[in-house]
Every structure is written in C-alpha cells, then in structure tokens.
Amino acid sequence: MLHETAHLAITPCCFRSLMGGNLYAGQREMLRRIDEKGLHPDAPLYRAVIQCSKPEAATWAWAAGVSLGLPGSEIIRDDEYDGEGADIRFALQMDAYIGIHGFAHAGFYTIRKRGAFDAWPRLHFWTQEVAADAGAQQLDLSVKHRKSSTVPLSTI
C-alpha cells in the first residue's frame, strides 16, 4: 500500500489526476505531455517527472514506513519486487538504493545532515508540488533554446 501511495505522492501535482486505475497509462500520458512542452532536462518539472519511477516510489515507501515506525520487513516484504524485496530493503538501509539518489535530486531529502535538515530517510516534504509551468521561463530553456541533439522523451 505504501508503494502505491508513493506513486501518487511523488508524481508532480499537476499530473496526479492522470494516475487513476492504470498507473502505466497515466505515466505514459505524463511523459507525453512533458515531451510536448519541450522542456530542458534541467527544468524543475522535467526533473520531477523523471524522478517518479518505481525506484523513487520504493524510496518514498521506505521513508514513510520508517517515519511511521514500521519494521523494515513490513515496509518492503521479501516477496515483493519480483522476489528482490530483501535486497532492496537492505540497499535502502545502507543508503545504496538507486531511488535514493533520484529522490535527493528531486529535493525530497538531503543525503547527509546539513544545517537544519536531517538526512535520509527523513523527508523535507511528502508530495511533489512542482507546478505545471515550472521550468522553461525560470531557466529560459524553452524549446527555442534546446539543442537539436536532445533526445525526446517519446523515443526513450
């Protein structure tokens, strides 16, 4: 349940309504829309979209479970993730899971304690609230400034 909740929480707020009964269809539509916008990969909305896949959902679920005080074996069971739940749980405990770094890049947490911020697995926020218009105007990296060698998301 935490993992499925995570998919909604880590999806940028402007795309959450797409995440209905078929998560994959919603994600495809989100990627289509982000590609249509022609944002530069460093635009906040683009970064938020590419940081909301399965590894980041597992990472959010882990942080939520730890915050709730659940045992690790209940947050991620051994039989989950195609039978690799124990390995993923171990990687999350060791700060070595791929989703942790994507999550940090999206701003959800700090890898190491810095100033007022606690470190992983304590989150700075629980939902991705990047706005639909975040990006192009902020970085001035709209389509007209994008290099033609950039690969569109629809081809990935």
N, C-alpha and C. Protein backbone atom coordinates (compact mmCIF):
# COMPACT_ATOMS: atom_id res chain seq x y z
N MET A 1 0.81 -1.19 0.00
CA MET A 1 0.00 0.00 0.00
C MET A 1 0.87 1.27 0.00
N LEU A 2 1.95 1.25 0.77
CA LEU A 2 2.83 2.42 0.79
C LEU A 2 3.42 2.71 -0.59
N HIS A 3 3.78 1.65 -1.30
CA HIS A 3 4.39 1.83 -2.62
C HIS A 3 3.40 2.48 -3.59
N GLU A 4 2.16 2.04 -3.58
CA GLU A 4 1.16 2.62 -4.49
C GLU A 4 0.85 4.06 -4.09
N THR A 5 0.79 4.34 -2.81
CA THR A 5 0.60 5.71 -2.34
C THR A 5 1.77 6.58 -2.78
N ALA A 6 2.94 6.00 -2.76
CA ALA A 6 4.15 6.72 -3.16
C ALA A 6 4.05 7.22 -4.60
N HIS A 7 3.51 6.40 -5.48
CA HIS A 7 3.39 6.83 -6.88
C HIS A 7 2.59 8.12 -6.98
N LEU A 8 1.53 8.25 -6.20
CA LEU A 8 0.75 9.49 -6.22
C LEU A 8 1.52 10.63 -5.59
N ALA A 9 2.18 10.36 -4.48
CA ALA A 9 2.89 11.42 -3.75
C ALA A 9 4.05 11.99 -4.55
N ILE A 10 4.77 11.16 -5.28
CA ILE A 10 5.96 11.63 -5.98
C ILE A 10 5.66 12.14 -7.38
N THR A 11 4.44 11.93 -7.87
CA THR A 11 4.04 12.48 -9.16
C THR A 11 3.79 13.97 -8.97
N PRO A 12 4.33 14.83 -9.84
CA PRO A 12 4.06 16.26 -9.70
C PRO A 12 2.56 16.53 -9.64
N CYS A 13 2.17 17.47 -8.79
CA CYS A 13 0.76 17.73 -8.52
C CYS A 13 -0.05 17.98 -9.78
N CYS A 14 0.54 18.59 -10.78
CA CYS A 14 -0.21 18.90 -12.00
C CYS A 14 -0.53 17.66 -12.83
N PHE A 15 0.06 16.50 -12.50
CA PHE A 15 -0.19 15.27 -13.24
C PHE A 15 -0.88 14.19 -12.40
N ARG A 16 -1.15 14.45 -11.13
CA ARG A 16 -1.74 13.42 -10.28
C ARG A 16 -3.10 12.92 -10.76
N SER A 17 -3.86 13.80 -11.38
CA SER A 17 -5.18 13.39 -11.86
C SER A 17 -5.09 12.32 -12.95
N LEU A 18 -3.93 12.17 -13.57
CA LEU A 18 -3.74 11.15 -14.60
C LEU A 18 -3.53 9.76 -14.00
N MET A 19 -3.21 9.70 -12.72
CA MET A 19 -2.86 8.43 -12.08
C MET A 19 -4.09 7.75 -11.50
N GLY A 20 -4.93 7.24 -12.38
CA GLY A 20 -6.16 6.55 -11.96
C GLY A 20 -5.94 5.06 -11.87
N GLY A 21 -6.86 4.30 -12.43
CA GLY A 21 -6.82 2.86 -12.35
C GLY A 21 -5.64 2.21 -13.04
N ASN A 22 -5.09 2.85 -14.05
CA ASN A 22 -3.95 2.28 -14.78
C ASN A 22 -2.76 3.23 -14.64
N LEU A 23 -1.90 2.92 -13.70
CA LEU A 23 -0.75 3.77 -13.40
C LEU A 23 0.15 3.95 -14.62
N TYR A 24 0.38 2.87 -15.35
CA TYR A 24 1.27 2.95 -16.51
C TYR A 24 0.71 3.87 -17.60
N ALA A 25 -0.60 3.82 -17.80
CA ALA A 25 -1.23 4.72 -18.78
C ALA A 25 -1.06 6.17 -18.33
N GLY A 26 -1.24 6.42 -17.04
CA GLY A 26 -1.06 7.77 -16.52
C GLY A 26 0.37 8.26 -16.67
N GLN A 27 1.32 7.37 -16.41
CA GLN A 27 2.73 7.75 -16.56
C GLN A 27 3.07 8.03 -18.02
N ARG A 28 2.55 7.21 -18.92
CA ARG A 28 2.80 7.44 -20.35
C ARG A 28 2.25 8.80 -20.78
N GLU A 29 1.03 9.12 -20.31
CA GLU A 29 0.43 10.40 -20.65
C GLU A 29 1.24 11.55 -20.05
N MET A 30 1.70 11.40 -18.83
CA MET A 30 2.53 12.43 -18.20
C MET A 30 3.80 12.66 -19.03
N LEU A 31 4.45 11.58 -19.45
CA LEU A 31 5.66 11.71 -20.26
C LEU A 31 5.36 12.34 -21.62
N ARG A 32 4.21 11.99 -22.20
CA ARG A 32 3.83 12.59 -23.48
C ARG A 32 3.66 14.10 -23.32
N ARG A 33 2.99 14.49 -22.25
CA ARG A 33 2.75 15.92 -22.02
C ARG A 33 4.05 16.67 -21.74
N ILE A 34 4.94 16.07 -20.99
CA ILE A 34 6.20 16.74 -20.67
C ILE A 34 7.05 16.86 -21.93
N ASP A 35 7.00 15.85 -22.79
CA ASP A 35 7.71 15.89 -24.07
C ASP A 35 7.13 16.99 -24.95
N GLU A 36 5.82 17.11 -24.94
CA GLU A 36 5.13 18.13 -25.73
C GLU A 36 5.53 19.54 -25.30
N LYS A 37 5.80 19.72 -24.02
CA LYS A 37 6.21 21.03 -23.52
C LYS A 37 7.60 21.42 -24.02
N GLY A 38 8.41 20.42 -24.38
CA GLY A 38 9.75 20.71 -24.88
C GLY A 38 10.68 21.28 -23.84
N LEU A 39 10.51 20.89 -22.59
CA LEU A 39 11.35 21.42 -21.52
C LEU A 39 12.77 20.86 -21.58
N HIS A 40 13.68 21.66 -21.13
CA HIS A 40 15.07 21.23 -20.97
C HIS A 40 15.13 20.23 -19.81
N PRO A 41 15.99 19.22 -19.88
CA PRO A 41 16.08 18.23 -18.80
C PRO A 41 16.40 18.82 -17.42
N ASP A 42 16.94 20.02 -17.34
CA ASP A 42 17.21 20.63 -16.04
C ASP A 42 16.06 21.47 -15.51
N ALA A 43 14.98 21.59 -16.27
CA ALA A 43 13.82 22.33 -15.79
C ALA A 43 13.20 21.58 -14.61
N PRO A 44 12.74 22.29 -13.59
CA PRO A 44 12.20 21.62 -12.39
C PRO A 44 11.09 20.61 -12.69
N LEU A 45 10.18 20.92 -13.58
CA LEU A 45 9.10 19.99 -13.87
C LEU A 45 9.62 18.74 -14.56
N TYR A 46 10.54 18.91 -15.48
CA TYR A 46 11.13 17.76 -16.18
C TYR A 46 11.84 16.85 -15.17
N ARG A 47 12.65 17.46 -14.29
CA ARG A 47 13.37 16.68 -13.28
C ARG A 47 12.40 15.94 -12.37
N ALA A 48 11.31 16.61 -11.98
CA ALA A 48 10.33 15.97 -11.10
C ALA A 48 9.68 14.77 -11.79
N VAL A 49 9.39 14.91 -13.06
CA VAL A 49 8.75 13.81 -13.80
C VAL A 49 9.67 12.61 -13.93
N ILE A 50 10.93 12.84 -14.23
CA ILE A 50 11.82 11.69 -14.42
C ILE A 50 12.25 11.07 -13.09
N GLN A 51 11.93 11.74 -11.98
CA GLN A 51 12.26 11.18 -10.66
C GLN A 51 11.03 10.61 -9.98
N CYS A 52 10.09 10.07 -10.74
CA CYS A 52 8.91 9.47 -10.10
C CYS A 52 8.62 8.08 -10.67
N SER A 53 9.65 7.28 -10.73
CA SER A 53 9.51 5.92 -11.23
C SER A 53 9.48 4.92 -10.06
N LYS A 54 9.54 3.63 -10.37
CA LYS A 54 9.47 2.60 -9.32
C LYS A 54 10.54 2.74 -8.24
N PRO A 55 11.81 2.98 -8.60
CA PRO A 55 12.80 3.12 -7.53
C PRO A 55 12.49 4.27 -6.56
N GLU A 56 12.01 5.39 -7.10
CA GLU A 56 11.67 6.51 -6.22
C GLU A 56 10.43 6.19 -5.38
N ALA A 57 9.49 5.42 -5.94
CA ALA A 57 8.31 5.03 -5.18
C ALA A 57 8.71 4.10 -4.02
N ALA A 58 9.62 3.18 -4.27
CA ALA A 58 10.12 2.31 -3.20
C ALA A 58 10.83 3.14 -2.14
N THR A 59 11.56 4.14 -2.56
CA THR A 59 12.28 5.01 -1.64
C THR A 59 11.31 5.81 -0.77
N TRP A 60 10.26 6.37 -1.39
CA TRP A 60 9.24 7.10 -0.63
C TRP A 60 8.56 6.16 0.36
N ALA A 61 8.20 4.96 -0.10
CA ALA A 61 7.53 4.00 0.77
C ALA A 61 8.40 3.67 1.98
N TRP A 62 9.70 3.51 1.73
CA TRP A 62 10.61 3.20 2.83
C TRP A 62 10.64 4.36 3.84
N ALA A 63 10.78 5.58 3.35
CA ALA A 63 10.83 6.75 4.23
C ALA A 63 9.53 6.89 5.02
N ALA A 64 8.40 6.64 4.36
CA ALA A 64 7.11 6.73 5.04
C ALA A 64 6.99 5.66 6.12
N GLY A 65 7.38 4.44 5.77
CA GLY A 65 7.31 3.35 6.74
C GLY A 65 8.19 3.58 7.94
N VAL A 66 9.40 4.07 7.71
CA VAL A 66 10.32 4.38 8.81
C VAL A 66 9.72 5.48 9.68
N SER A 67 9.14 6.50 9.05
CA SER A 67 8.52 7.59 9.79
C SER A 67 7.35 7.10 10.65
N LEU A 68 6.63 6.09 10.16
CA LEU A 68 5.51 5.52 10.89
C LEU A 68 5.96 4.51 11.96
N GLY A 69 7.24 4.17 11.95
CA GLY A 69 7.77 3.23 12.93
C GLY A 69 7.51 1.76 12.58
N LEU A 70 7.25 1.49 11.31
CA LEU A 70 7.01 0.11 10.88
C LEU A 70 8.32 -0.66 10.76
N PRO A 71 8.30 -1.96 11.04
CA PRO A 71 9.51 -2.77 10.82
C PRO A 71 9.81 -2.84 9.32
N GLY A 72 11.09 -2.89 8.98
CA GLY A 72 11.51 -2.93 7.59
C GLY A 72 10.86 -4.05 6.80
N SER A 73 10.69 -5.21 7.42
CA SER A 73 10.10 -6.36 6.73
C SER A 73 8.62 -6.16 6.41
N GLU A 74 7.97 -5.19 7.06
CA GLU A 74 6.59 -4.86 6.73
C GLU A 74 6.51 -3.75 5.69
N ILE A 75 7.53 -2.92 5.64
CA ILE A 75 7.54 -1.84 4.65
C ILE A 75 7.77 -2.43 3.26
N ILE A 76 8.78 -3.26 3.15
CA ILE A 76 9.08 -3.98 1.91
C ILE A 76 9.27 -5.43 2.26
N ARG A 77 8.32 -6.26 1.81
CA ARG A 77 8.37 -7.69 2.10
C ARG A 77 9.36 -8.39 1.17
N ASP A 78 9.88 -9.50 1.63
CA ASP A 78 10.85 -10.27 0.83
C ASP A 78 10.31 -10.67 -0.53
N ASP A 79 9.01 -11.00 -0.61
CA ASP A 79 8.43 -11.49 -1.86
C ASP A 79 8.06 -10.38 -2.85
N GLU A 80 8.18 -9.15 -2.45
CA GLU A 80 7.86 -8.04 -3.35
C GLU A 80 9.02 -7.75 -4.31
N TYR A 81 8.73 -6.94 -5.33
CA TYR A 81 9.73 -6.54 -6.33
C TYR A 81 10.36 -7.78 -6.99
N ASP A 82 9.48 -8.63 -7.49
CA ASP A 82 9.91 -9.86 -8.17
C ASP A 82 10.83 -10.70 -7.29
N GLY A 83 10.52 -10.76 -6.00
CA GLY A 83 11.30 -11.57 -5.08
C GLY A 83 12.58 -10.93 -4.59
N GLU A 84 12.81 -9.67 -4.95
CA GLU A 84 14.04 -8.99 -4.54
C GLU A 84 13.82 -8.00 -3.40
N GLY A 85 12.69 -8.14 -2.70
CA GLY A 85 12.36 -7.21 -1.62
C GLY A 85 13.43 -7.12 -0.55
N ALA A 86 13.99 -8.27 -0.15
CA ALA A 86 15.02 -8.26 0.91
C ALA A 86 16.25 -7.50 0.45
N ASP A 87 16.63 -7.67 -0.81
CA ASP A 87 17.81 -6.96 -1.34
C ASP A 87 17.56 -5.45 -1.41
N ILE A 88 16.37 -5.07 -1.86
CA ILE A 88 16.03 -3.65 -1.94
C ILE A 88 15.97 -3.04 -0.55
N ARG A 89 15.37 -3.76 0.38
CA ARG A 89 15.31 -3.29 1.78
C ARG A 89 16.72 -3.08 2.34
N PHE A 90 17.62 -4.02 2.09
CA PHE A 90 19.00 -3.90 2.55
C PHE A 90 19.68 -2.68 1.92
N ALA A 91 19.48 -2.50 0.61
CA ALA A 91 20.09 -1.35 -0.07
C ALA A 91 19.55 -0.04 0.49
N LEU A 92 18.26 0.02 0.78
CA LEU A 92 17.68 1.24 1.36
C LEU A 92 18.26 1.51 2.75
N GLN A 93 18.46 0.47 3.54
CA GLN A 93 19.03 0.62 4.87
C GLN A 93 20.49 1.08 4.81
N MET A 94 21.18 0.71 3.75
CA MET A 94 22.59 1.06 3.58
C MET A 94 22.79 2.35 2.78
N ASP A 95 21.69 3.04 2.46
CA ASP A 95 21.74 4.27 1.65
C ASP A 95 22.37 4.01 0.28
N ALA A 96 22.13 2.84 -0.28
CA ALA A 96 22.77 2.45 -1.53
C ALA A 96 21.76 2.08 -2.62
N TYR A 97 20.51 2.41 -2.45
CA TYR A 97 19.49 2.06 -3.44
C TYR A 97 19.40 3.17 -4.48
N ILE A 98 19.22 2.80 -5.73
CA ILE A 98 19.20 3.76 -6.84
C ILE A 98 18.15 4.87 -6.65
N GLY A 99 17.01 4.54 -6.08
CA GLY A 99 15.96 5.53 -5.89
C GLY A 99 16.32 6.64 -4.92
N ILE A 100 17.23 6.36 -4.01
CA ILE A 100 17.63 7.36 -3.03
C ILE A 100 18.24 8.58 -3.72
N HIS A 101 19.09 8.36 -4.68
CA HIS A 101 19.75 9.48 -5.35
C HIS A 101 18.81 10.24 -6.27
N GLY A 102 17.91 9.52 -6.93
CA GLY A 102 16.88 10.20 -7.72
C GLY A 102 16.00 11.06 -6.83
N PHE A 103 15.68 10.53 -5.67
CA PHE A 103 14.85 11.24 -4.71
C PHE A 103 15.56 12.50 -4.19
N ALA A 104 16.84 12.38 -3.92
CA ALA A 104 17.62 13.54 -3.48
C ALA A 104 17.66 14.59 -4.58
N HIS A 105 17.84 14.14 -5.82
CA HIS A 105 17.87 15.07 -6.96
C HIS A 105 16.55 15.81 -7.10
N ALA A 106 15.45 15.15 -6.76
CA ALA A 106 14.13 15.78 -6.81
C ALA A 106 13.89 16.68 -5.60
N GLY A 107 14.82 16.71 -4.63
CA GLY A 107 14.71 17.61 -3.49
C GLY A 107 13.96 17.07 -2.29
N PHE A 108 13.57 15.80 -2.31
CA PHE A 108 12.79 15.24 -1.21
C PHE A 108 13.57 15.14 0.09
N TYR A 109 14.86 14.99 0.02
CA TYR A 109 15.64 14.84 1.24
C TYR A 109 17.09 15.22 0.97
N THR A 110 17.87 15.27 2.05
CA THR A 110 19.29 15.55 1.99
C THR A 110 20.03 14.25 2.27
N ILE A 111 21.06 13.98 1.50
CA ILE A 111 21.81 12.74 1.68
C ILE A 111 22.50 12.71 3.04
N ARG A 112 23.15 13.81 3.40
CA ARG A 112 23.82 13.90 4.70
C ARG A 112 23.23 15.08 5.47
N LYS A 113 23.26 14.99 6.78
CA LYS A 113 22.73 16.07 7.60
C LYS A 113 23.49 17.36 7.29
N ARG A 114 22.73 18.42 7.04
CA ARG A 114 23.32 19.73 6.73
C ARG A 114 22.48 20.82 7.40
N GLY A 115 23.09 21.54 8.27
CA GLY A 115 22.37 22.64 8.91
C GLY A 115 21.11 22.17 9.61
N ALA A 116 19.99 22.75 9.21
CA ALA A 116 18.71 22.45 9.84
C ALA A 116 18.06 21.19 9.27
N PHE A 117 18.59 20.65 8.20
CA PHE A 117 17.97 19.49 7.56
C PHE A 117 18.53 18.19 8.08
N ASP A 118 17.64 17.30 8.50
CA ASP A 118 18.04 15.95 8.83
C ASP A 118 18.32 15.20 7.55
N ALA A 119 19.01 14.10 7.66
CA ALA A 119 19.38 13.33 6.49
C ALA A 119 18.41 12.18 6.25
N TRP A 120 18.62 11.50 5.15
CA TRP A 120 17.84 10.32 4.76
C TRP A 120 17.68 9.39 5.96
N PRO A 121 16.55 8.83 6.23
CA PRO A 121 15.32 8.80 5.44
C PRO A 121 14.28 9.85 5.82
N ARG A 122 14.67 10.91 6.51
CA ARG A 122 13.72 11.98 6.85
C ARG A 122 13.53 12.88 5.64
N LEU A 123 12.28 13.08 5.26
CA LEU A 123 11.97 13.85 4.06
C LEU A 123 11.73 15.32 4.38
N HIS A 124 12.05 16.18 3.41
CA HIS A 124 11.77 17.61 3.53
C HIS A 124 10.29 17.87 3.27
N PHE A 125 9.70 17.07 2.40
CA PHE A 125 8.28 17.18 2.07
C PHE A 125 7.80 15.81 1.62
N TRP A 126 6.48 15.59 1.64
CA TRP A 126 5.93 14.27 1.33
C TRP A 126 5.32 14.17 -0.06
N THR A 127 5.01 15.30 -0.68
CA THR A 127 4.43 15.27 -2.03
C THR A 127 5.19 16.21 -2.95
N GLN A 128 5.22 15.85 -4.22
CA GLN A 128 5.94 16.64 -5.22
C GLN A 128 4.99 17.72 -5.73
N GLU A 129 5.24 18.95 -5.35
CA GLU A 129 4.34 20.06 -5.67
C GLU A 129 4.87 20.97 -6.77
N VAL A 130 5.69 20.46 -7.65
CA VAL A 130 6.20 21.28 -8.75
C VAL A 130 5.03 21.65 -9.65
N ALA A 131 4.94 22.91 -9.99
CA ALA A 131 3.83 23.41 -10.80
C ALA A 131 4.03 23.09 -12.28
N ALA A 132 2.94 23.09 -13.01
CA ALA A 132 2.96 22.77 -14.45
C ALA A 132 3.82 23.76 -15.23
N ASP A 133 3.90 25.00 -14.77
CA ASP A 133 4.67 26.00 -15.51
C ASP A 133 6.10 26.16 -14.99
N ALA A 134 6.52 25.31 -14.09
CA ALA A 134 7.88 25.40 -13.54
C ALA A 134 8.87 24.94 -14.59
N GLY A 135 9.82 25.76 -14.86
CA GLY A 135 10.88 25.30 -15.74
C GLY A 135 11.31 26.25 -16.81
N ALA A 136 10.62 26.25 -17.92
CA ALA A 136 11.12 26.94 -19.11
C ALA A 136 11.41 28.41 -18.84
N GLN A 137 10.44 29.13 -18.27
CA GLN A 137 10.67 30.55 -18.05
C GLN A 137 11.68 30.78 -16.94
N GLN A 138 11.73 29.90 -15.96
CA GLN A 138 12.67 30.07 -14.85
C GLN A 138 14.11 29.91 -15.33
N LEU A 139 14.36 28.92 -16.17
CA LEU A 139 15.71 28.66 -16.66
C LEU A 139 15.96 29.25 -18.04
N ASP A 140 14.91 29.78 -18.67
CA ASP A 140 14.96 30.23 -20.04
C ASP A 140 15.55 29.15 -20.94
N LEU A 141 15.03 27.95 -20.77
CA LEU A 141 15.50 26.80 -21.53
C LEU A 141 14.34 26.20 -22.33
N SER A 142 13.55 27.05 -22.90
CA SER A 142 12.40 26.58 -23.67
C SER A 142 12.87 25.91 -24.96
N VAL A 143 11.93 25.47 -25.76
CA VAL A 143 12.25 24.74 -26.99
C VAL A 143 13.20 25.53 -27.89
N LYS A 144 13.01 26.82 -27.99
CA LYS A 144 13.87 27.60 -28.89
C LYS A 144 15.33 27.59 -28.45
N HIS A 145 15.61 27.29 -27.16
CA HIS A 145 16.98 27.25 -26.67
C HIS A 145 17.53 25.83 -26.57
N ARG A 146 16.70 24.85 -26.80
CA ARG A 146 17.12 23.46 -26.65
C ARG A 146 17.94 23.03 -27.86
N LYS A 147 19.03 22.33 -27.61
CA LYS A 147 19.87 21.84 -28.70
C LYS A 147 19.15 20.74 -29.45
N SER A 148 19.36 20.68 -30.73
CA SER A 148 18.67 19.68 -31.54
C SER A 148 19.14 18.26 -31.24
N SER A 149 20.26 18.11 -30.56
CA SER A 149 20.76 16.76 -30.24
C SER A 149 20.03 16.15 -29.04
N THR A 150 19.17 16.92 -28.37
CA THR A 150 18.45 16.39 -27.24
C THR A 150 17.48 15.32 -27.71
N VAL A 151 17.48 14.18 -27.04
CA VAL A 151 16.60 13.08 -27.42
C VAL A 151 15.23 13.29 -26.79
N PRO A 152 14.15 13.32 -27.57
CA PRO A 152 12.82 13.49 -27.00
C PRO A 152 12.45 12.30 -26.12
N LEU A 153 11.68 12.57 -25.07
CA LEU A 153 11.27 11.51 -24.15
C LEU A 153 10.50 10.40 -24.87
N SER A 154 9.75 10.75 -25.90
CA SER A 154 8.93 9.75 -26.57
C SER A 154 9.76 8.67 -27.25
N THR A 155 11.06 8.92 -27.45
CA THR A 155 11.90 7.91 -28.10
C THR A 155 12.62 7.04 -27.10
N ILE A 156 12.52 7.39 -25.82
CA ILE A 156 13.24 6.63 -24.80
C ILE A 156 12.42 5.43 -24.36
